Amino acid sequence: MSKSKKPQPTKSSQRPTWLLPAVIVGAIVVVLAIVAAMTGSRREPFEPEVAGAPRAEVDQTSIDHGAVRFEQPVESVFRVRNVGDQPLTILGEPRVELLQGC
């Protein structure tokens, strides 16, 4: 007598449990990358205020920190923007004037 063997399902026919979540996460990353690429390119075209020369525009010309104790560090941020149509080069350190009040 011969024993008849039934075909056993192989493990290669089953999908790994991590495959579906990995495909979903990959699809979400691709969609987010496409959205970021499309929205990042929507900048307004630059129209210079000065033609033929560079020109620096500073958003603030003075900042009042109020009463500050001696040797207490303070920080100020100024945004400098080139509004001309030529490259702006800043040479050296900017001049900062400190006024001491009474």
Protein backbone atom coordinates (compact mmCIF):
# COMPACT_ATOMS: atom_id res chain seq x y z
CA MET A 1 0.00 0.00 0.00
CA SER A 2 1.17 3.42 -0.78
CA LYS A 3 0.36 6.40 1.28
CA SER A 4 -1.08 9.29 -0.59
CA LYS A 5 0.36 12.66 0.38
CA LYS A 6 -1.83 15.71 0.25
CA PRO A 7 -0.19 18.87 -1.08
CA GLN A 8 0.71 21.16 1.78
CA PRO A 9 0.28 24.92 1.28
CA THR A 10 3.64 26.56 1.02
CA LYS A 11 4.59 29.56 3.09
CA SER A 12 5.62 31.45 -0.02
CA SER A 13 1.99 31.78 -1.09
CA GLN A 14 1.08 33.70 2.06
CA ARG A 15 1.69 37.47 2.23
CA PRO A 16 3.78 38.85 5.07
CA THR A 17 1.73 40.72 7.66
CA TRP A 18 3.83 43.87 7.28
CA LEU A 19 3.30 44.21 3.52
CA LEU A 20 -0.12 45.96 3.54
CA PRO A 21 0.83 48.62 6.16
CA ALA A 22 4.11 49.26 4.30
CA VAL A 23 2.27 49.82 1.01
CA ILE A 24 -0.22 52.19 2.69
CA VAL A 25 2.55 54.21 4.37
CA GLY A 26 4.49 54.35 1.10
CA ALA A 27 1.44 55.64 -0.77
CA ILE A 28 0.85 58.34 1.86
CA VAL A 29 4.49 59.47 1.63
CA VAL A 30 4.27 59.70 -2.17
CA VAL A 31 1.04 61.75 -1.99
CA LEU A 32 2.56 64.12 0.61
CA ALA A 33 5.69 64.57 -1.52
CA ILE A 34 3.59 65.45 -4.56
CA VAL A 35 1.51 67.96 -2.57
CA ALA A 36 4.67 69.55 -1.10
CA ALA A 37 6.26 69.84 -4.54
CA MET A 38 3.15 71.47 -6.02
CA THR A 39 2.63 74.00 -3.21
CA GLY A 40 6.33 74.86 -2.86
CA SER A 41 6.56 76.15 -6.42
CA ARG A 42 3.77 78.71 -5.98
CA ARG A 43 5.91 81.72 -5.12
CA GLU A 44 5.05 85.19 -6.23
CA PRO A 45 7.44 86.49 -8.88
CA PHE A 46 10.03 88.94 -7.53
CA GLU A 47 9.58 92.51 -8.72
CA PRO A 48 12.53 94.71 -7.70
CA GLU A 49 11.84 98.14 -6.25
CA VAL A 50 15.20 99.47 -7.51
CA ALA A 51 16.47 98.87 -11.05
CA GLY A 52 20.16 98.61 -11.90
CA ALA A 53 21.51 98.41 -8.33
CA PRO A 54 21.23 96.45 -5.10
CA ARG A 55 19.39 97.95 -2.15
CA ALA A 56 19.01 96.64 1.39
CA GLU A 57 15.69 96.94 3.18
CA VAL A 58 15.61 96.38 6.96
CA ASP A 59 12.31 95.49 8.63
CA GLN A 60 13.13 97.43 11.84
CA THR A 61 15.46 100.33 12.43
CA SER A 62 15.32 100.25 16.24
CA ILE A 63 14.35 97.92 19.07
CA ASP A 64 13.64 98.93 22.67
CA HIS A 65 14.45 96.16 25.15
CA GLY A 66 13.36 98.30 28.10
CA ALA A 67 15.29 98.16 31.37
CA VAL A 68 18.03 95.54 31.15
CA ARG A 69 20.42 94.67 33.99
CA PHE A 70 24.14 95.16 33.42
CA GLU A 71 25.80 92.28 31.54
CA GLN A 72 22.46 90.58 30.88
CA PRO A 73 22.51 89.30 27.30
CA VAL A 74 19.72 90.32 24.97
CA GLU A 75 19.05 89.26 21.41
CA SER A 76 17.50 91.17 18.53
CA VAL A 77 16.60 89.92 15.08
CA PHE A 78 16.55 92.14 12.02
CA ARG A 79 15.48 90.85 8.64
CA VAL A 80 17.50 92.28 5.76
CA ARG A 81 16.12 91.89 2.24
CA ASN A 82 17.52 92.88 -1.14
CA VAL A 83 14.88 94.89 -3.01
CA GLY A 84 17.16 95.71 -5.96
CA ASP A 85 17.75 93.71 -9.11
CA GLN A 86 21.53 93.29 -8.56
CA PRO A 87 23.27 91.02 -6.01
CA LEU A 88 23.60 92.56 -2.55
CA THR A 89 26.93 92.06 -0.76
CA ILE A 90 27.33 92.97 2.90
CA LEU A 91 30.98 93.62 3.74
CA GLY A 92 32.11 93.42 7.34
CA GLU A 93 29.91 93.48 10.40
CA PRO A 94 26.85 95.72 10.47
CA ARG A 95 27.11 98.85 12.60
CA VAL A 96 25.01 98.66 15.74
CA GLU A 97 24.57 101.65 18.03
CA LEU A 98 23.72 101.05 21.67
CA LEU A 99 22.03 103.90 23.50
CA GLN A 100 22.08 103.91 27.28
CA GLY A 101 19.19 105.58 29.00
CA CYS A 102 18.83 106.98 32.50
